[in-house]
N, C-alpha and C. Protein backbone atom coordinates (compact mmCIF):
# COMPACT_ATOMS: atom_id res chain seq x y z
N MET A 1 14.24 -75.08 18.98
CA MET A 1 13.01 -74.52 18.45
C MET A 1 12.24 -73.78 19.53
N SER A 2 12.26 -74.33 20.73
CA SER A 2 11.55 -73.69 21.84
C SER A 2 12.16 -72.33 22.18
N ASN A 3 13.49 -72.20 22.02
CA ASN A 3 14.13 -70.90 22.26
C ASN A 3 13.67 -69.87 21.23
N LEU A 4 13.50 -70.31 20.02
CA LEU A 4 13.05 -69.42 18.96
C LEU A 4 11.61 -68.94 19.22
N ILE A 5 10.77 -69.83 19.66
CA ILE A 5 9.38 -69.47 19.99
C ILE A 5 9.36 -68.51 21.18
N THR A 6 10.17 -68.76 22.17
CA THR A 6 10.25 -67.88 23.34
C THR A 6 10.75 -66.49 22.93
N LEU A 7 11.75 -66.46 22.08
CA LEU A 7 12.29 -65.18 21.59
C LEU A 7 11.20 -64.41 20.83
N TYR A 8 10.47 -65.14 20.00
CA TYR A 8 9.37 -64.52 19.25
C TYR A 8 8.30 -63.97 20.19
N GLN A 9 7.91 -64.74 21.19
CA GLN A 9 6.89 -64.30 22.13
C GLN A 9 7.35 -63.10 22.94
N ASP A 10 8.63 -63.08 23.32
CA ASP A 10 9.18 -61.92 24.04
C ASP A 10 9.13 -60.66 23.17
N LEU A 11 9.46 -60.82 21.91
CA LEU A 11 9.40 -59.69 20.98
C LEU A 11 7.97 -59.18 20.83
N ILE A 12 7.02 -60.08 20.67
CA ILE A 12 5.62 -59.69 20.54
C ILE A 12 5.14 -59.01 21.81
N ASP A 13 5.53 -59.50 22.97
CA ASP A 13 5.15 -58.86 24.24
C ASP A 13 5.69 -57.44 24.32
N ARG A 14 6.93 -57.24 23.92
CA ARG A 14 7.52 -55.90 23.94
C ARG A 14 6.80 -54.96 22.97
N LEU A 15 6.51 -55.47 21.78
CA LEU A 15 5.81 -54.64 20.80
C LEU A 15 4.40 -54.28 21.27
N SER A 16 3.73 -55.20 21.94
CA SER A 16 2.36 -54.92 22.38
C SER A 16 2.32 -53.87 23.49
N ARG A 17 3.45 -53.64 24.15
CA ARG A 17 3.50 -52.59 25.18
C ARG A 17 3.76 -51.20 24.60
N LEU A 18 4.00 -51.12 23.32
CA LEU A 18 4.28 -49.84 22.66
C LEU A 18 2.98 -49.20 22.15
N ASP A 19 2.02 -48.99 23.05
CA ASP A 19 0.72 -48.42 22.68
C ASP A 19 0.83 -47.04 22.04
N TRP A 20 1.86 -46.30 22.37
CA TRP A 20 2.02 -44.96 21.86
C TRP A 20 2.48 -44.94 20.40
N LEU A 21 3.06 -46.03 19.94
CA LEU A 21 3.71 -46.02 18.63
C LEU A 21 2.71 -45.90 17.47
N VAL A 22 1.64 -46.67 17.49
CA VAL A 22 0.71 -46.69 16.36
C VAL A 22 0.03 -45.33 16.15
N PRO A 23 -0.58 -44.72 17.18
CA PRO A 23 -1.21 -43.42 16.92
C PRO A 23 -0.19 -42.33 16.56
N THR A 24 0.99 -42.39 17.14
CA THR A 24 2.01 -41.40 16.81
C THR A 24 2.45 -41.54 15.36
N LEU A 25 2.66 -42.78 14.92
CA LEU A 25 3.03 -43.00 13.52
C LEU A 25 1.88 -42.65 12.57
N ALA A 26 0.65 -42.87 12.99
CA ALA A 26 -0.50 -42.51 12.16
C ALA A 26 -0.54 -40.99 11.94
N ARG A 27 -0.32 -40.23 13.00
CA ARG A 27 -0.31 -38.76 12.85
C ARG A 27 0.87 -38.29 12.02
N LEU A 28 2.02 -38.92 12.20
CA LEU A 28 3.20 -38.57 11.41
C LEU A 28 2.97 -38.90 9.93
N THR A 29 2.37 -40.05 9.67
CA THR A 29 2.05 -40.43 8.29
C THR A 29 1.06 -39.44 7.68
N PHE A 30 0.06 -39.05 8.46
CA PHE A 30 -0.90 -38.05 7.99
C PHE A 30 -0.17 -36.76 7.60
N LEU A 31 0.75 -36.31 8.44
CA LEU A 31 1.50 -35.08 8.15
C LEU A 31 2.28 -35.23 6.85
N MET A 32 2.96 -36.34 6.68
CA MET A 32 3.82 -36.52 5.51
C MET A 32 3.04 -36.76 4.22
N VAL A 33 1.86 -37.39 4.32
CA VAL A 33 1.17 -37.82 3.11
C VAL A 33 -0.04 -36.96 2.77
N LEU A 34 -0.85 -36.57 3.76
CA LEU A 34 -2.13 -35.94 3.46
C LEU A 34 -2.30 -34.51 3.94
N PHE A 35 -1.56 -34.09 4.95
CA PHE A 35 -1.78 -32.75 5.50
C PHE A 35 -1.72 -31.68 4.42
N PHE A 36 -0.66 -31.65 3.65
CA PHE A 36 -0.48 -30.59 2.65
C PHE A 36 -1.43 -30.76 1.46
N TYR A 37 -1.83 -31.98 1.20
CA TYR A 37 -2.85 -32.21 0.17
C TYR A 37 -4.13 -31.46 0.54
N PHE A 38 -4.60 -31.65 1.76
CA PHE A 38 -5.83 -30.98 2.19
C PHE A 38 -5.62 -29.48 2.36
N TRP A 39 -4.49 -29.08 2.90
CA TRP A 39 -4.21 -27.65 3.10
C TRP A 39 -4.19 -26.91 1.75
N ASN A 40 -3.47 -27.48 0.77
CA ASN A 40 -3.40 -26.85 -0.55
C ASN A 40 -4.77 -26.83 -1.23
N SER A 41 -5.53 -27.88 -1.04
CA SER A 41 -6.88 -27.92 -1.61
C SER A 41 -7.74 -26.82 -1.01
N ALA A 42 -7.62 -26.60 0.29
CA ALA A 42 -8.38 -25.54 0.94
C ALA A 42 -7.95 -24.16 0.43
N MET A 43 -6.66 -23.98 0.23
CA MET A 43 -6.16 -22.69 -0.26
C MET A 43 -6.71 -22.38 -1.66
N LEU A 44 -6.95 -23.41 -2.46
CA LEU A 44 -7.50 -23.19 -3.81
C LEU A 44 -8.97 -22.78 -3.77
N LYS A 45 -9.62 -23.00 -2.64
CA LYS A 45 -11.05 -22.74 -2.55
C LYS A 45 -11.38 -21.31 -2.13
N ILE A 46 -10.39 -20.55 -1.72
CA ILE A 46 -10.67 -19.18 -1.27
C ILE A 46 -10.13 -18.17 -2.27
N ASP A 47 -10.79 -17.05 -2.31
CA ASP A 47 -10.39 -15.96 -3.20
C ASP A 47 -10.23 -14.70 -2.35
N GLY A 48 -9.14 -14.64 -1.63
CA GLY A 48 -8.88 -13.49 -0.77
C GLY A 48 -9.25 -13.72 0.68
N SER A 49 -10.39 -14.33 0.93
CA SER A 49 -10.78 -14.64 2.31
C SER A 49 -11.62 -15.91 2.31
N ILE A 50 -11.80 -16.46 3.47
CA ILE A 50 -12.56 -17.70 3.60
C ILE A 50 -14.04 -17.50 3.26
N PHE A 51 -14.49 -16.26 3.34
CA PHE A 51 -15.87 -15.94 3.02
C PHE A 51 -16.09 -15.64 1.55
N SER A 52 -15.02 -15.68 0.77
CA SER A 52 -15.10 -15.38 -0.65
C SER A 52 -14.63 -16.60 -1.44
N PRO A 53 -15.57 -17.48 -1.80
CA PRO A 53 -15.17 -18.71 -2.51
C PRO A 53 -14.66 -18.41 -3.91
N SER A 54 -13.71 -19.21 -4.33
CA SER A 54 -13.14 -19.03 -5.67
C SER A 54 -13.94 -19.81 -6.70
N ALA A 55 -13.69 -19.49 -7.95
CA ALA A 55 -14.31 -20.25 -9.03
C ALA A 55 -13.83 -21.69 -8.99
N GLY A 56 -12.59 -21.88 -8.53
CA GLY A 56 -12.07 -23.23 -8.39
C GLY A 56 -12.86 -24.06 -7.40
N ALA A 57 -13.25 -23.42 -6.29
CA ALA A 57 -14.07 -24.13 -5.29
C ALA A 57 -15.41 -24.50 -5.89
N PHE A 58 -16.00 -23.57 -6.59
CA PHE A 58 -17.30 -23.81 -7.23
C PHE A 58 -17.17 -24.99 -8.20
N GLY A 59 -16.11 -24.99 -9.00
CA GLY A 59 -15.89 -26.06 -9.96
C GLY A 59 -15.52 -27.39 -9.33
N GLN A 60 -14.80 -27.35 -8.20
CA GLN A 60 -14.42 -28.59 -7.52
C GLN A 60 -15.61 -29.26 -6.88
N ILE A 61 -16.46 -28.49 -6.22
CA ILE A 61 -17.52 -29.07 -5.40
C ILE A 61 -18.83 -29.21 -6.18
N PHE A 62 -19.12 -28.27 -7.05
CA PHE A 62 -20.35 -28.32 -7.86
C PHE A 62 -19.97 -28.17 -9.34
N PRO A 63 -19.27 -29.14 -9.89
CA PRO A 63 -18.73 -28.97 -11.25
C PRO A 63 -19.78 -28.73 -12.33
N LYS A 64 -20.89 -29.43 -12.27
CA LYS A 64 -21.90 -29.26 -13.32
C LYS A 64 -22.59 -27.90 -13.20
N ALA A 65 -22.87 -27.47 -11.97
CA ALA A 65 -23.49 -26.16 -11.76
C ALA A 65 -22.53 -25.04 -12.16
N ALA A 66 -21.26 -25.19 -11.83
CA ALA A 66 -20.26 -24.18 -12.17
C ALA A 66 -20.10 -24.07 -13.68
N GLU A 67 -20.07 -25.20 -14.34
CA GLU A 67 -19.93 -25.19 -15.80
C GLU A 67 -21.14 -24.55 -16.46
N ALA A 68 -22.31 -24.79 -15.90
CA ALA A 68 -23.55 -24.23 -16.48
C ALA A 68 -23.56 -22.71 -16.45
N VAL A 69 -22.88 -22.10 -15.48
CA VAL A 69 -22.86 -20.64 -15.38
C VAL A 69 -21.45 -20.09 -15.68
N VAL A 70 -20.64 -20.89 -16.38
CA VAL A 70 -19.28 -20.51 -16.78
C VAL A 70 -18.45 -20.06 -15.57
N TRP A 71 -18.52 -20.79 -14.49
CA TRP A 71 -17.75 -20.60 -13.27
C TRP A 71 -17.92 -19.20 -12.66
N ASP A 72 -19.04 -18.59 -12.89
CA ASP A 72 -19.34 -17.27 -12.32
C ASP A 72 -19.82 -17.46 -10.88
N VAL A 73 -18.95 -17.13 -9.91
CA VAL A 73 -19.27 -17.38 -8.49
C VAL A 73 -20.45 -16.53 -8.01
N SER A 74 -20.75 -15.46 -8.71
CA SER A 74 -21.90 -14.65 -8.30
C SER A 74 -23.22 -15.39 -8.55
N GLN A 75 -23.17 -16.46 -9.34
CA GLN A 75 -24.36 -17.24 -9.65
C GLN A 75 -24.63 -18.36 -8.63
N MET A 76 -23.74 -18.51 -7.66
CA MET A 76 -23.94 -19.57 -6.65
C MET A 76 -25.13 -19.25 -5.78
N ASN A 77 -25.89 -20.29 -5.43
CA ASN A 77 -27.00 -20.08 -4.50
C ASN A 77 -26.50 -20.22 -3.06
N LEU A 78 -27.36 -19.95 -2.11
CA LEU A 78 -26.98 -19.97 -0.69
C LEU A 78 -26.49 -21.35 -0.26
N PHE A 79 -27.19 -22.40 -0.67
CA PHE A 79 -26.77 -23.76 -0.32
C PHE A 79 -25.36 -24.04 -0.81
N GLN A 80 -25.06 -23.69 -2.05
CA GLN A 80 -23.73 -23.92 -2.60
C GLN A 80 -22.68 -23.13 -1.82
N ARG A 81 -23.00 -21.89 -1.48
CA ARG A 81 -22.05 -21.08 -0.70
C ARG A 81 -21.79 -21.70 0.68
N LEU A 82 -22.85 -22.18 1.32
CA LEU A 82 -22.69 -22.79 2.65
C LEU A 82 -21.88 -24.08 2.58
N VAL A 83 -22.12 -24.90 1.57
CA VAL A 83 -21.37 -26.15 1.42
C VAL A 83 -19.90 -25.85 1.16
N ILE A 84 -19.62 -24.91 0.29
CA ILE A 84 -18.23 -24.54 0.00
C ILE A 84 -17.55 -23.97 1.23
N PHE A 85 -18.26 -23.12 1.97
CA PHE A 85 -17.69 -22.55 3.20
C PHE A 85 -17.39 -23.65 4.21
N ALA A 86 -18.35 -24.55 4.44
CA ALA A 86 -18.15 -25.64 5.40
C ALA A 86 -17.01 -26.56 4.97
N GLY A 87 -16.97 -26.88 3.70
CA GLY A 87 -15.89 -27.74 3.20
C GLY A 87 -14.52 -27.09 3.34
N THR A 88 -14.46 -25.80 3.06
CA THR A 88 -13.19 -25.09 3.17
C THR A 88 -12.74 -25.01 4.62
N VAL A 89 -13.65 -24.68 5.52
CA VAL A 89 -13.31 -24.64 6.94
C VAL A 89 -12.84 -26.01 7.41
N ALA A 90 -13.55 -27.05 6.98
CA ALA A 90 -13.17 -28.41 7.37
C ALA A 90 -11.77 -28.75 6.87
N GLU A 91 -11.45 -28.35 5.64
CA GLU A 91 -10.12 -28.66 5.09
C GLU A 91 -9.01 -27.89 5.79
N PHE A 92 -9.32 -26.75 6.37
CA PHE A 92 -8.32 -26.02 7.15
C PHE A 92 -8.24 -26.54 8.58
N VAL A 93 -9.38 -26.66 9.23
CA VAL A 93 -9.41 -26.92 10.68
C VAL A 93 -9.12 -28.38 11.03
N LEU A 94 -9.77 -29.32 10.38
CA LEU A 94 -9.61 -30.73 10.77
C LEU A 94 -8.16 -31.22 10.66
N PRO A 95 -7.45 -30.95 9.57
CA PRO A 95 -6.05 -31.38 9.51
C PRO A 95 -5.17 -30.73 10.60
N VAL A 96 -5.42 -29.48 10.91
CA VAL A 96 -4.63 -28.82 11.96
C VAL A 96 -4.91 -29.47 13.32
N LEU A 97 -6.17 -29.79 13.59
CA LEU A 97 -6.50 -30.47 14.84
C LEU A 97 -5.78 -31.81 14.94
N ILE A 98 -5.75 -32.55 13.85
CA ILE A 98 -5.06 -33.84 13.86
C ILE A 98 -3.56 -33.64 14.04
N LEU A 99 -3.01 -32.67 13.36
CA LEU A 99 -1.58 -32.38 13.48
C LEU A 99 -1.20 -32.05 14.93
N LEU A 100 -2.03 -31.23 15.57
CA LEU A 100 -1.77 -30.85 16.97
C LEU A 100 -2.14 -31.96 17.95
N GLY A 101 -2.95 -32.89 17.50
CA GLY A 101 -3.44 -33.93 18.41
C GLY A 101 -4.47 -33.36 19.37
N LEU A 102 -5.32 -32.49 18.87
CA LEU A 102 -6.36 -31.85 19.68
C LEU A 102 -7.73 -32.27 19.14
N LEU A 103 -8.54 -32.84 20.00
CA LEU A 103 -9.85 -33.38 19.58
C LEU A 103 -9.65 -34.35 18.41
N THR A 104 -8.62 -35.15 18.52
CA THR A 104 -8.16 -35.98 17.41
C THR A 104 -9.22 -36.96 16.93
N ARG A 105 -9.87 -37.62 17.86
CA ARG A 105 -10.87 -38.61 17.44
C ARG A 105 -12.02 -37.94 16.68
N LEU A 106 -12.48 -36.83 17.18
CA LEU A 106 -13.56 -36.10 16.52
C LEU A 106 -13.11 -35.58 15.16
N ALA A 107 -11.90 -35.04 15.09
CA ALA A 107 -11.37 -34.53 13.82
C ALA A 107 -11.21 -35.66 12.81
N ALA A 108 -10.78 -36.83 13.27
CA ALA A 108 -10.60 -37.97 12.37
C ALA A 108 -11.95 -38.45 11.84
N ILE A 109 -12.97 -38.45 12.69
CA ILE A 109 -14.32 -38.79 12.22
C ILE A 109 -14.77 -37.78 11.18
N GLY A 110 -14.50 -36.50 11.42
CA GLY A 110 -14.83 -35.46 10.45
C GLY A 110 -14.11 -35.67 9.12
N MET A 111 -12.85 -36.09 9.18
CA MET A 111 -12.09 -36.33 7.95
C MET A 111 -12.65 -37.54 7.19
N ILE A 112 -13.10 -38.55 7.91
CA ILE A 112 -13.71 -39.70 7.24
C ILE A 112 -14.97 -39.24 6.49
N GLY A 113 -15.78 -38.42 7.13
CA GLY A 113 -16.96 -37.87 6.47
C GLY A 113 -16.58 -37.01 5.29
N PHE A 114 -15.54 -36.21 5.45
CA PHE A 114 -15.07 -35.34 4.36
C PHE A 114 -14.64 -36.19 3.17
N ILE A 115 -13.91 -37.25 3.42
CA ILE A 115 -13.45 -38.13 2.34
C ILE A 115 -14.64 -38.79 1.64
N ALA A 116 -15.66 -39.16 2.41
CA ALA A 116 -16.86 -39.75 1.79
C ALA A 116 -17.52 -38.76 0.84
N VAL A 117 -17.69 -37.52 1.30
CA VAL A 117 -18.31 -36.49 0.45
C VAL A 117 -17.41 -36.20 -0.76
N GLN A 118 -16.12 -36.09 -0.53
CA GLN A 118 -15.17 -35.83 -1.60
C GLN A 118 -15.24 -36.93 -2.67
N THR A 119 -15.35 -38.16 -2.23
CA THR A 119 -15.41 -39.29 -3.16
C THR A 119 -16.70 -39.26 -3.96
N ILE A 120 -17.80 -38.97 -3.29
CA ILE A 120 -19.09 -38.87 -3.99
C ILE A 120 -19.04 -37.78 -5.06
N VAL A 121 -18.46 -36.62 -4.72
CA VAL A 121 -18.35 -35.53 -5.69
C VAL A 121 -17.43 -35.93 -6.85
N ASP A 122 -16.33 -36.60 -6.54
CA ASP A 122 -15.41 -37.03 -7.60
C ASP A 122 -16.09 -37.98 -8.59
N VAL A 123 -16.89 -38.89 -8.06
CA VAL A 123 -17.54 -39.89 -8.91
C VAL A 123 -18.73 -39.29 -9.66
N THR A 124 -19.62 -38.60 -8.94
CA THR A 124 -20.84 -38.10 -9.58
C THR A 124 -20.63 -36.79 -10.32
N GLY A 125 -19.76 -35.94 -9.83
CA GLY A 125 -19.58 -34.63 -10.46
C GLY A 125 -18.47 -34.57 -11.48
N HIS A 126 -17.38 -35.30 -11.22
CA HIS A 126 -16.22 -35.22 -12.10
C HIS A 126 -16.07 -36.46 -12.98
N GLY A 127 -16.90 -37.47 -12.76
CA GLY A 127 -16.85 -38.67 -13.59
C GLY A 127 -15.63 -39.54 -13.35
N VAL A 128 -15.01 -39.44 -12.17
CA VAL A 128 -13.86 -40.27 -11.85
C VAL A 128 -14.36 -41.69 -11.59
N ALA A 129 -13.66 -42.66 -12.15
CA ALA A 129 -14.06 -44.05 -11.95
C ALA A 129 -13.73 -44.47 -10.53
N LEU A 130 -14.70 -45.01 -9.85
CA LEU A 130 -14.52 -45.47 -8.48
C LEU A 130 -13.62 -46.68 -8.42
N GLY A 131 -13.71 -47.54 -9.41
CA GLY A 131 -12.92 -48.76 -9.42
C GLY A 131 -13.52 -49.80 -8.49
N SER A 132 -12.76 -50.81 -8.21
CA SER A 132 -13.23 -51.85 -7.30
C SER A 132 -12.06 -52.33 -6.44
N LEU A 133 -12.40 -52.81 -5.30
CA LEU A 133 -11.36 -53.33 -4.41
C LEU A 133 -10.79 -54.62 -4.96
N PHE A 134 -9.55 -54.87 -4.63
CA PHE A 134 -8.86 -56.12 -4.98
C PHE A 134 -8.63 -56.30 -6.47
N ASP A 135 -8.68 -55.21 -7.25
CA ASP A 135 -8.31 -55.35 -8.65
C ASP A 135 -6.84 -54.97 -8.80
N SER A 136 -6.30 -55.18 -9.96
CA SER A 136 -4.86 -54.93 -10.13
C SER A 136 -4.55 -53.47 -10.41
N ALA A 137 -5.50 -52.74 -10.94
CA ALA A 137 -5.27 -51.32 -11.26
C ALA A 137 -5.52 -50.46 -10.02
N GLN A 138 -4.72 -49.45 -9.86
CA GLN A 138 -4.97 -48.50 -8.77
C GLN A 138 -6.24 -47.74 -9.07
N ALA A 139 -7.11 -47.65 -8.11
CA ALA A 139 -8.38 -46.99 -8.32
C ALA A 139 -8.66 -46.05 -7.17
N LEU A 140 -9.61 -45.17 -7.39
CA LEU A 140 -9.98 -44.19 -6.39
C LEU A 140 -10.37 -44.85 -5.07
N ILE A 141 -11.13 -45.93 -5.14
CA ILE A 141 -11.59 -46.58 -3.92
C ILE A 141 -10.42 -47.10 -3.10
N ASP A 142 -9.39 -47.61 -3.75
CA ASP A 142 -8.21 -48.11 -3.03
C ASP A 142 -7.53 -46.98 -2.25
N GLN A 143 -7.33 -45.86 -2.92
CA GLN A 143 -6.69 -44.72 -2.29
C GLN A 143 -7.50 -44.21 -1.11
N ARG A 144 -8.78 -44.04 -1.31
CA ARG A 144 -9.61 -43.48 -0.26
C ARG A 144 -9.76 -44.46 0.91
N MET A 145 -9.75 -45.76 0.62
CA MET A 145 -9.80 -46.75 1.71
C MET A 145 -8.56 -46.63 2.60
N MET A 146 -7.41 -46.40 2.00
CA MET A 146 -6.18 -46.23 2.78
C MET A 146 -6.27 -44.97 3.64
N TRP A 147 -6.81 -43.91 3.09
CA TRP A 147 -6.97 -42.68 3.86
C TRP A 147 -7.92 -42.92 5.04
N VAL A 148 -9.05 -43.56 4.76
CA VAL A 148 -10.03 -43.82 5.82
C VAL A 148 -9.42 -44.72 6.89
N PHE A 149 -8.63 -45.70 6.49
CA PHE A 149 -7.99 -46.57 7.47
C PHE A 149 -7.07 -45.76 8.39
N LEU A 150 -6.31 -44.85 7.82
CA LEU A 150 -5.43 -44.00 8.62
C LEU A 150 -6.23 -43.22 9.66
N PHE A 151 -7.35 -42.65 9.25
CA PHE A 151 -8.19 -41.90 10.19
C PHE A 151 -8.89 -42.83 11.18
N ALA A 152 -9.24 -44.03 10.76
CA ALA A 152 -9.85 -45.00 11.67
C ALA A 152 -8.89 -45.36 12.80
N VAL A 153 -7.61 -45.46 12.48
CA VAL A 153 -6.61 -45.71 13.53
C VAL A 153 -6.66 -44.61 14.57
N LEU A 154 -6.77 -43.35 14.12
CA LEU A 154 -6.83 -42.23 15.05
C LEU A 154 -8.13 -42.21 15.83
N VAL A 155 -9.22 -42.62 15.20
CA VAL A 155 -10.50 -42.69 15.92
C VAL A 155 -10.40 -43.74 17.03
N LEU A 156 -9.83 -44.88 16.71
CA LEU A 156 -9.77 -46.00 17.68
C LEU A 156 -8.68 -45.83 18.72
N LYS A 157 -7.54 -45.29 18.33
CA LYS A 157 -6.38 -45.22 19.24
C LYS A 157 -6.16 -43.83 19.84
N GLY A 158 -6.76 -42.81 19.27
CA GLY A 158 -6.51 -41.46 19.74
C GLY A 158 -5.23 -40.91 19.15
N ALA A 159 -4.76 -39.81 19.71
CA ALA A 159 -3.61 -39.10 19.14
C ALA A 159 -2.26 -39.61 19.61
N GLY A 160 -2.24 -40.34 20.71
CA GLY A 160 -0.97 -40.79 21.26
C GLY A 160 -0.44 -39.80 22.28
N PRO A 161 0.70 -40.12 22.87
CA PRO A 161 1.22 -39.30 23.98
C PRO A 161 1.80 -37.96 23.57
N LEU A 162 2.20 -37.82 22.32
CA LEU A 162 2.78 -36.55 21.85
C LEU A 162 1.69 -35.71 21.22
N SER A 163 0.74 -35.28 22.05
CA SER A 163 -0.42 -34.56 21.54
C SER A 163 -0.99 -33.65 22.61
N LEU A 164 -1.78 -32.70 22.16
CA LEU A 164 -2.48 -31.83 23.12
C LEU A 164 -3.55 -32.61 23.87
N ASP A 165 -4.16 -33.60 23.21
CA ASP A 165 -5.14 -34.45 23.91
C ASP A 165 -4.49 -35.10 25.13
N ALA A 166 -3.29 -35.66 24.95
CA ALA A 166 -2.59 -36.32 26.06
C ALA A 166 -2.19 -35.31 27.13
N LEU A 167 -1.77 -34.13 26.70
CA LEU A 167 -1.38 -33.09 27.67
C LEU A 167 -2.57 -32.69 28.53
N PHE A 168 -3.71 -32.48 27.91
CA PHE A 168 -4.91 -32.09 28.67
C PHE A 168 -5.39 -33.23 29.55
N LYS A 169 -5.23 -34.44 29.09
CA LYS A 169 -5.64 -35.60 29.88
C LYS A 169 -4.77 -35.72 31.14
N ARG A 170 -3.48 -35.46 31.00
CA ARG A 170 -2.57 -35.50 32.16
C ARG A 170 -2.88 -34.40 33.16
N ARG A 171 -3.33 -33.25 32.68
CA ARG A 171 -3.63 -32.12 33.55
C ARG A 171 -4.97 -32.26 34.25
N ASP A 172 -5.85 -33.11 33.71
CA ASP A 172 -7.19 -33.30 34.27
C ASP A 172 -7.07 -34.02 35.63
N PRO A 173 -7.51 -33.39 36.73
CA PRO A 173 -7.37 -34.00 38.04
C PRO A 173 -8.34 -35.17 38.26
N ALA A 174 -9.34 -35.33 37.43
CA ALA A 174 -10.34 -36.40 37.63
C ALA A 174 -9.85 -37.75 37.27
C-alpha cells in the first residue's frame, strides 16, 4: 500500500510541475470551442465595414429598439452605434489577442465582461431563460459559467509558454 501511495505522490509531483499545460490547454480549448463562435458573431454585425453596423447587429444588441423601427439601421441613435461598434471591435480583437497569447490576461478580463453583457442582453432583450445552476436541464447560465471559467483560467495563469506574452517576457532584460 505504501508503494501505491508513493507512486501516487510522485505522479502528483510531476503533474504539479507542468505549469505550462493548463494555460496552453485553456487557449487551445478556446480556439476549438469559442474562437469561431465570437468571430462569426462579429462578422454578422458588420455591413461592409466595421463602421457600418448591420441590421443583424442592431437586432442582436438592441432587439426591442430594432423591432420598433423595423430594423432600420438609419434609426439608431449615437449611443446604440457606439455600443455596437465597441461590441464588434471587442468580438474581433479580444479573441485574436487570446489566440496569439498577447495581453492575454487583459483580453480574458474583457471577454468575461463581454459575456456578462451578452448574457444580460440575451435575458432582457431576447427573453432567453437564464436557468439556474445545478439543475438537470442545460441552461444559459451553465454555458456562460463554463465560458467564464475558461477565461478565468487565463486571467489567473496567463497565456502559457507558447504565446507572445511569454516571448516578450523572455526578451525583457529586467
